[in-house]
Amino acid sequence: MTTDIADVRRNYSGDHLDIRNSPDSPVTLFEDWLAQALEQENDDANAMTLATVDSLGMPHARIVLLKGVDEHGLVFYTSYQSHKGAELANVPHAALVFWWPVLQRQVRIEGRVVQVEDGESDRYFQSRPRASQLSAWISQQGVEIPDREWLEERRHRFEQLYTDQSIDRPPHWGGYRVVPEVFEFWQGQSDRLHDRLRYRRHDNDWIKVRLAP
């Protein structure tokens, strides 16, 4: 490595985030920021870090894709038999992080996690490309495999199985909804004096405060 990473830094100069002009609901602000990210961050705007903990309290994080958001929460899809599925079954809470470098913005979200209803998972599964539908059957997510040929053999087997017919959603695959308790919005500013705004759920309302950077 020829670059000293201690010297790598960026000077931010984003729009200001003012608590006086912020909406009462963090979902409104999040949807506004997401819409802007979808216009400026290309295909990665809905990528988010999902952090969970296992039965020993060890944290685990990975990137997943946001596939739905409304006042009830944020939805993503995966295998229920994956490592994150097992962790959420044991500790049904998670943290999410969105990072939009073009907009110089970060959003952190924390909350409890529930599985979405089967009908919602079915509808989303049927909207996926056929190859992605097959992949949900092919991949035993997180399981050790001997080589790439193992995957290709399973792909051939399921392609033959579903020749000329629709593909049903696997019972082990579906959606999770993160029901938020906390939103934190970060807007980069010059000299590291960033704008930070936190919303915390209180009964049916949201309490918002400004945080020091």
C-alpha atoms as a PDB file:
ATOM      1  CA  MET A   1       0.000   0.000   0.000  1.00  0.00           C
ATOM      2  CA  THR A   2       1.498   3.308  -1.112  1.00  0.00           C
ATOM      3  CA  THR A   3      -1.165   5.584   0.424  1.00  0.00           C
ATOM      4  CA  ASP A   4      -1.175   6.325   4.132  1.00  0.00           C
ATOM      5  CA  ILE A   5      -4.824   5.814   5.045  1.00  0.00           C
ATOM      6  CA  ALA A   6      -4.354   8.121   8.049  1.00  0.00           C
ATOM      7  CA  ASP A   7      -4.041  10.952   5.520  1.00  0.00           C
ATOM      8  CA  VAL A   8      -7.212  10.041   3.597  1.00  0.00           C
ATOM      9  CA  ARG A   9      -9.957  12.498   4.435  1.00  0.00           C
ATOM     10  CA  ARG A  10     -12.801  14.377   2.804  1.00  0.00           C
ATOM     11  CA  ASN A  11     -14.071  17.856   3.499  1.00  0.00           C
ATOM     12  CA  TYR A  12     -17.869  17.844   3.521  1.00  0.00           C
ATOM     13  CA  SER A  13     -20.098  20.685   2.397  1.00  0.00           C
ATOM     14  CA  GLY A  14     -23.650  19.375   2.221  1.00  0.00           C
ATOM     15  CA  ASP A  15     -27.022  21.008   2.658  1.00  0.00           C
ATOM     16  CA  HIS A  16     -27.871  22.053   6.203  1.00  0.00           C
ATOM     17  CA  LEU A  17     -30.169  19.899   8.334  1.00  0.00           C
ATOM     18  CA  ASP A  18     -32.189  22.140  10.654  1.00  0.00           C
ATOM     19  CA  ILE A  19     -34.414  20.712  13.382  1.00  0.00           C
ATOM     20  CA  ARG A  20     -36.728  23.740  13.055  1.00  0.00           C
ATOM     21  CA  ASN A  21     -37.580  22.827   9.460  1.00  0.00           C
ATOM     22  CA  SER A  22     -37.627  19.052   9.866  1.00  0.00           C
ATOM     23  CA  PRO A  23     -40.905  17.091   9.610  1.00  0.00           C
ATOM     24  CA  ASP A  24     -42.615  15.622  12.667  1.00  0.00           C
ATOM     25  CA  SER A  25     -42.197  12.075  11.317  1.00  0.00           C
ATOM     26  CA  PRO A  26     -38.736  10.688  10.528  1.00  0.00           C
ATOM     27  CA  VAL A  27     -40.280   8.487   7.847  1.00  0.00           C
ATOM     28  CA  THR A  28     -41.214  11.605   5.876  1.00  0.00           C
ATOM     29  CA  LEU A  29     -37.625  12.874   6.042  1.00  0.00           C
ATOM     30  CA  PHE A  30     -36.218   9.421   5.226  1.00  0.00           C
ATOM     31  CA  GLU A  31     -38.459   9.016   2.177  1.00  0.00           C
ATOM     32  CA  ASP A  32     -37.405  12.475   0.970  1.00  0.00           C
ATOM     33  CA  TRP A  33     -33.714  11.647   1.372  1.00  0.00           C
ATOM     34  CA  LEU A  34     -34.206   8.241  -0.245  1.00  0.00           C
ATOM     35  CA  ALA A  35     -35.925   9.808  -3.266  1.00  0.00           C
ATOM     36  CA  GLN A  36     -32.981  12.166  -3.716  1.00  0.00           C
ATOM     37  CA  ALA A  37     -30.535   9.272  -3.311  1.00  0.00           C
ATOM     38  CA  LEU A  38     -32.359   7.231  -5.951  1.00  0.00           C
ATOM     39  CA  GLU A  39     -31.802  10.109  -8.368  1.00  0.00           C
ATOM     40  CA  GLN A  40     -28.143  10.740  -7.538  1.00  0.00           C
ATOM     41  CA  GLU A  41     -26.627   7.550  -6.103  1.00  0.00           C
ATOM     42  CA  ASN A  42     -27.480   5.319  -9.084  1.00  0.00           C
ATOM     43  CA  ASP A  43     -28.230   1.662  -8.279  1.00  0.00           C
ATOM     44  CA  ASP A  44     -26.830   1.664  -4.739  1.00  0.00           C
ATOM     45  CA  ALA A  45     -29.292   4.038  -3.075  1.00  0.00           C
ATOM     46  CA  ASN A  46     -31.252   1.198  -1.442  1.00  0.00           C
ATOM     47  CA  ALA A  47     -28.169  -0.655  -0.180  1.00  0.00           C
ATOM     48  CA  MET A  48     -28.019  -0.716   3.611  1.00  0.00           C
ATOM     49  CA  THR A  49     -25.883  -2.295   6.298  1.00  0.00           C
ATOM     50  CA  LEU A  50     -27.897  -4.686   8.464  1.00  0.00           C
ATOM     51  CA  ALA A  51     -26.419  -5.417  11.906  1.00  0.00           C
ATOM     52  CA  THR A  52     -27.680  -8.254  14.119  1.00  0.00           C
ATOM     53  CA  VAL A  53     -26.374 -10.104  17.169  1.00  0.00           C
ATOM     54  CA  ASP A  54     -26.082 -13.824  17.809  1.00  0.00           C
ATOM     55  CA  SER A  55     -26.949 -15.801  20.956  1.00  0.00           C
ATOM     56  CA  LEU A  56     -23.555 -14.934  22.481  1.00  0.00           C
ATOM     57  CA  GLY A  57     -24.079 -11.222  21.910  1.00  0.00           C
ATOM     58  CA  MET A  58     -21.539 -11.065  19.075  1.00  0.00           C
ATOM     59  CA  PRO A  59     -22.446  -8.503  16.386  1.00  0.00           C
ATOM     60  CA  HIS A  60     -22.611  -9.346  12.680  1.00  0.00           C
ATOM     61  CA  ALA A  61     -23.122  -6.925   9.799  1.00  0.00           C
ATOM     62  CA  ARG A  62     -23.665  -7.243   6.052  1.00  0.00           C
ATOM     63  CA  ILE A  63     -25.137  -5.300   3.137  1.00  0.00           C
ATOM     64  CA  VAL A  64     -28.740  -6.041   2.102  1.00  0.00           C
ATOM     65  CA  LEU A  65     -31.201  -4.192  -0.125  1.00  0.00           C
ATOM     66  CA  LEU A  66     -34.160  -2.155   1.066  1.00  0.00           C
ATOM     67  CA  LYS A  67     -37.284  -3.274  -0.818  1.00  0.00           C
ATOM     68  CA  GLY A  68     -40.048  -1.321   0.901  1.00  0.00           C
ATOM     69  CA  VAL A  69     -40.617   1.509   3.363  1.00  0.00           C
ATOM     70  CA  ASP A  70     -43.676   3.095   4.953  1.00  0.00           C
ATOM     71  CA  GLU A  71     -44.900   4.210   8.382  1.00  0.00           C
ATOM     72  CA  HIS A  72     -44.835   0.567   9.529  1.00  0.00           C
ATOM     73  CA  GLY A  73     -41.138   0.005   8.847  1.00  0.00           C
ATOM     74  CA  LEU A  74     -38.424  -0.951   6.375  1.00  0.00           C
ATOM     75  CA  VAL A  75     -38.558  -4.259   4.513  1.00  0.00           C
ATOM     76  CA  PHE A  76     -35.836  -6.540   3.127  1.00  0.00           C
ATOM     77  CA  TYR A  77     -35.876 -10.146   1.900  1.00  0.00           C
ATOM     78  CA  THR A  78     -33.599 -13.092   2.573  1.00  0.00           C
ATOM     79  CA  SER A  79     -33.485 -16.743   3.585  1.00  0.00           C
ATOM     80  CA  TYR A  80     -34.978 -17.413   6.988  1.00  0.00           C
ATOM     81  CA  GLN A  81     -32.362 -20.188   7.315  1.00  0.00           C
ATOM     82  CA  SER A  82     -29.436 -17.818   6.779  1.00  0.00           C
ATOM     83  CA  HIS A  83     -27.138 -16.713   9.595  1.00  0.00           C
ATOM     84  CA  LYS A  84     -29.003 -13.410   9.899  1.00  0.00           C
ATOM     85  CA  GLY A  85     -32.306 -15.300   9.914  1.00  0.00           C
ATOM     86  CA  ALA A  86     -31.127 -17.450  12.812  1.00  0.00           C
ATOM     87  CA  GLU A  87     -29.848 -14.390  14.660  1.00  0.00           C
ATOM     88  CA  LEU A  88     -33.141 -12.519  14.192  1.00  0.00           C
ATOM     89  CA  ALA A  89     -35.094 -15.545  15.392  1.00  0.00           C
ATOM     90  CA  ASN A  90     -33.091 -15.438  18.626  1.00  0.00           C
ATOM     91  CA  VAL A  91     -32.732 -11.662  19.041  1.00  0.00           C
ATOM     92  CA  PRO A  92     -35.437  -9.900  16.986  1.00  0.00           C
ATOM     93  CA  HIS A  93     -33.760  -6.491  16.937  1.00  0.00           C
ATOM     94  CA  ALA A  94     -31.492  -4.908  14.346  1.00  0.00           C
ATOM     95  CA  ALA A  95     -29.705  -1.750  13.267  1.00  0.00           C
ATOM     96  CA  LEU A  96     -29.572  -0.364   9.723  1.00  0.00           C
ATOM     97  CA  VAL A  97     -27.149   2.136   8.181  1.00  0.00           C
ATOM     98  CA  PHE A  98     -27.536   3.946   4.863  1.00  0.00           C
ATOM     99  CA  TRP A  99     -24.561   5.835   3.396  1.00  0.00           C
ATOM    100  CA  TRP A 100     -25.069   8.158   0.431  1.00  0.00           C
ATOM    101  CA  PRO A 101     -21.650   9.657  -0.422  1.00  0.00           C
ATOM    102  CA  VAL A 102     -22.804  11.884  -3.281  1.00  0.00           C
ATOM    103  CA  LEU A 103     -25.328  13.581  -0.993  1.00  0.00           C
ATOM    104  CA  GLN A 104     -22.909  13.405   1.969  1.00  0.00           C
ATOM    105  CA  ARG A 105     -25.602  11.801   4.118  1.00  0.00           C
ATOM    106  CA  GLN A 106     -25.942   8.903   6.529  1.00  0.00           C
ATOM    107  CA  VAL A 107     -29.057   7.481   8.198  1.00  0.00           C
ATOM    108  CA  ARG A 108     -28.993   5.116  11.178  1.00  0.00           C
ATOM    109  CA  ILE A 109     -32.126   3.173  12.191  1.00  0.00           C
ATOM    110  CA  GLU A 110     -32.705   0.850  15.151  1.00  0.00           C
ATOM    111  CA  GLY A 111     -35.750  -1.237  15.951  1.00  0.00           C
ATOM    112  CA  ARG A 112     -37.402  -4.586  16.466  1.00  0.00           C
ATOM    113  CA  VAL A 113     -37.791  -7.023  13.577  1.00  0.00           C
ATOM    114  CA  VAL A 114     -40.799  -9.088  12.479  1.00  0.00           C
ATOM    115  CA  GLN A 115     -41.416 -11.340   9.494  1.00  0.00           C
ATOM    116  CA  VAL A 116     -43.766  -9.868   6.913  1.00  0.00           C
ATOM    117  CA  GLU A 117     -46.987 -11.698   6.093  1.00  0.00           C
ATOM    118  CA  ASP A 118     -46.778 -14.562   3.592  1.00  0.00           C
ATOM    119  CA  GLY A 119     -48.911 -12.731   1.036  1.00  0.00           C
ATOM    120  CA  GLU A 120     -46.508  -9.777   0.989  1.00  0.00           C
ATOM    121  CA  SER A 121     -43.526 -12.102   0.537  1.00  0.00           C
ATOM    122  CA  ASP A 122     -45.384 -13.979  -2.219  1.00  0.00           C
ATOM    123  CA  ARG A 123     -46.121 -10.765  -4.129  1.00  0.00           C
ATOM    124  CA  TYR A 124     -42.544  -9.568  -3.940  1.00  0.00           C
ATOM    125  CA  PHE A 125     -41.176 -12.990  -4.928  1.00  0.00           C
ATOM    126  CA  GLN A 126     -43.350 -13.074  -8.049  1.00  0.00           C
ATOM    127  CA  SER A 127     -42.046  -9.620  -9.037  1.00  0.00           C
ATOM    128  CA  ARG A 128     -38.427 -10.860  -9.069  1.00  0.00           C
ATOM    129  CA  PRO A 129     -36.655 -11.936 -12.282  1.00  0.00           C
ATOM    130  CA  ARG A 130     -36.984 -15.667 -12.908  1.00  0.00           C
ATOM    131  CA  ALA A 131     -33.250 -16.232 -12.359  1.00  0.00           C
ATOM    132  CA  SER A 132     -33.500 -14.572  -8.949  1.00  0.00           C
ATOM    133  CA  GLN A 133     -36.493 -16.743  -8.086  1.00  0.00           C
ATOM    134  CA  LEU A 134     -34.461 -19.835  -8.939  1.00  0.00           C
ATOM    135  CA  SER A 135     -31.533 -18.595  -6.870  1.00  0.00           C
ATOM    136  CA  ALA A 136     -33.730 -18.588  -3.754  1.00  0.00           C
ATOM    137  CA  TRP A 137     -34.105 -22.360  -4.228  1.00  0.00           C
ATOM    138  CA  ILE A 138     -30.534 -23.014  -5.414  1.00  0.00           C
ATOM    139  CA  SER A 139     -28.587 -21.308  -2.645  1.00  0.00           C
ATOM    140  CA  GLN A 140     -28.517 -22.656   0.891  1.00  0.00           C
ATOM    141  CA  GLN A 141     -27.347 -19.293   2.145  1.00  0.00           C
ATOM    142  CA  GLY A 142     -24.320 -19.323   4.434  1.00  0.00           C
ATOM    143  CA  VAL A 143     -23.738 -23.098   4.189  1.00  0.00           C
ATOM    144  CA  GLU A 144     -20.194 -24.234   3.323  1.00  0.00           C
ATOM    145  CA  ILE A 145     -19.999 -25.664  -0.213  1.00  0.00           C
ATOM    146  CA  PRO A 146     -17.169 -27.513  -1.985  1.00  0.00           C
ATOM    147  CA  ASP A 147     -16.883 -25.432  -5.151  1.00  0.00           C
ATOM    148  CA  ARG A 148     -18.667 -23.404  -7.832  1.00  0.00           C
ATOM    149  CA  GLU A 149     -19.683 -26.591  -9.622  1.00  0.00           C
ATOM    150  CA  TRP A 150     -21.907 -27.477  -6.660  1.00  0.00           C
ATOM    151  CA  LEU A 151     -23.961 -24.343  -7.368  1.00  0.00           C
ATOM    152  CA  GLU A 152     -24.054 -24.971 -11.122  1.00  0.00           C
ATOM    153  CA  GLU A 153     -25.291 -28.528 -10.572  1.00  0.00           C
ATOM    154  CA  ARG A 154     -28.111 -27.288  -8.340  1.00  0.00           C
ATOM    155  CA  ARG A 155     -28.944 -24.579 -10.857  1.00  0.00           C
ATOM    156  CA  HIS A 156     -29.321 -27.180 -13.608  1.00  0.00           C
ATOM    157  CA  ARG A 157     -31.469 -29.374 -11.358  1.00  0.00           C
ATOM    158  CA  PHE A 158     -33.920 -26.583 -10.471  1.00  0.00           C
ATOM    159  CA  GLU A 159     -34.033 -25.248 -14.031  1.00  0.00           C
ATOM    160  CA  GLN A 160     -35.129 -28.716 -15.125  1.00  0.00           C
ATOM    161  CA  LEU A 161     -37.617 -28.980 -12.259  1.00  0.00           C
ATOM    162  CA  TYR A 162     -39.325 -25.686 -13.139  1.00  0.00           C
ATOM    163  CA  THR A 163     -39.177 -25.945 -16.928  1.00  0.00           C
ATOM    164  CA  ASP A 164     -42.264 -24.280 -18.464  1.00  0.00           C
ATOM    165  CA  GLN A 165     -43.903 -23.576 -15.104  1.00  0.00           C
ATOM    166  CA  SER A 166     -44.042 -20.778 -12.567  1.00  0.00           C
ATOM    167  CA  ILE A 167     -41.745 -20.842  -9.552  1.00  0.00           C
ATOM    168  CA  ASP A 168     -43.265 -20.902  -6.086  1.00  0.00           C
ATOM    169  CA  ARG A 169     -41.677 -18.962  -3.236  1.00  0.00           C
ATOM    170  CA  PRO A 170     -39.581 -21.271  -1.048  1.00  0.00           C
ATOM    171  CA  PRO A 171     -41.077 -21.596   2.444  1.00  0.00           C
ATOM    172  CA  HIS A 172     -37.663 -20.727   3.905  1.00  0.00           C
ATOM    173  CA  TRP A 173     -37.425 -17.413   2.027  1.00  0.00           C
ATOM    174  CA  GLY A 174     -39.301 -14.183   2.686  1.00  0.00           C
ATOM    175  CA  GLY A 175     -39.352 -10.696   4.118  1.00  0.00           C
ATOM    176  CA  TYR A 176     -38.456  -9.006   7.374  1.00  0.00           C
ATOM    177  CA  ARG A 177     -39.718  -5.639   8.552  1.00  0.00           C
ATOM    178  CA  VAL A 178     -37.577  -3.471  10.797  1.00  0.00           C
ATOM    179  CA  VAL A 179     -40.061  -1.544  12.949  1.00  0.00           C
ATOM    180  CA  PRO A 180     -38.066   1.573  13.856  1.00  0.00           C
ATOM    181  CA  GLU A 181     -37.678   2.953  17.337  1.00  0.00           C
ATOM    182  CA  VAL A 182     -34.840   5.354  16.477  1.00  0.00           C
ATOM    183  CA  PHE A 183     -33.843   7.302  13.355  1.00  0.00           C
ATOM    184  CA  GLU A 184     -30.647   9.337  13.233  1.00  0.00           C
ATOM    185  CA  PHE A 185     -29.948  11.614  10.264  1.00  0.00           C
ATOM    186  CA  TRP A 186     -26.404  12.843   9.549  1.00  0.00           C
ATOM    187  CA  GLN A 187     -25.571  15.545   7.040  1.00  0.00           C
ATOM    188  CA  GLY A 188     -21.897  16.241   6.346  1.00  0.00           C
ATOM    189  CA  GLN A 189     -20.664  19.784   6.982  1.00  0.00           C
ATOM    190  CA  SER A 190     -17.325  21.565   6.782  1.00  0.00           C
ATOM    191  CA  ASP A 191     -14.624  21.194   9.460  1.00  0.00           C
ATOM    192  CA  ARG A 192     -16.336  18.077  10.865  1.00  0.00           C
ATOM    193  CA  LEU A 193     -19.122  20.196  12.412  1.00  0.00           C
ATOM    194  CA  HIS A 194     -21.783  17.935  10.939  1.00  0.00           C
ATOM    195  CA  ASP A 195     -25.553  18.223  11.380  1.00  0.00           C
ATOM    196  CA  ARG A 196     -27.130  15.351  13.349  1.00  0.00           C
ATOM    197  CA  LEU A 197     -30.813  14.919  14.099  1.00  0.00           C
ATOM    198  CA  ARG A 198     -32.257  12.035  16.133  1.00  0.00           C
ATOM    199  CA  TYR A 199     -35.880  10.917  16.331  1.00  0.00           C
ATOM    200  CA  ARG A 200     -36.911   8.509  19.106  1.00  0.00           C
ATOM    201  CA  ARG A 201     -40.339   6.880  19.261  1.00  0.00           C
ATOM    202  CA  HIS A 202     -42.403   7.728  22.339  1.00  0.00           C
ATOM    203  CA  ASP A 203     -45.766   5.938  22.405  1.00  0.00           C
ATOM    204  CA  ASN A 204     -47.329   6.981  19.083  1.00  0.00           C
ATOM    205  CA  ASP A 205     -45.239  10.116  18.673  1.00  0.00           C
ATOM    206  CA  TRP A 206     -41.651  10.945  17.737  1.00  0.00           C
ATOM    207  CA  ILE A 207     -39.362  13.056  19.906  1.00  0.00           C
ATOM    208  CA  LYS A 208     -36.612  14.801  17.923  1.00  0.00           C
ATOM    209  CA  VAL A 209     -33.407  16.402  19.192  1.00  0.00           C
ATOM    210  CA  ARG A 210     -30.279  17.855  17.638  1.00  0.00           C
ATOM    211  CA  LEU A 211     -27.023  16.070  18.512  1.00  0.00           C
ATOM    212  CA  ALA A 212     -23.474  17.375  18.638  1.00  0.00           C
ATOM    213  CA  PRO A 213     -21.372  15.996  15.782  1.00  0.00           C
END
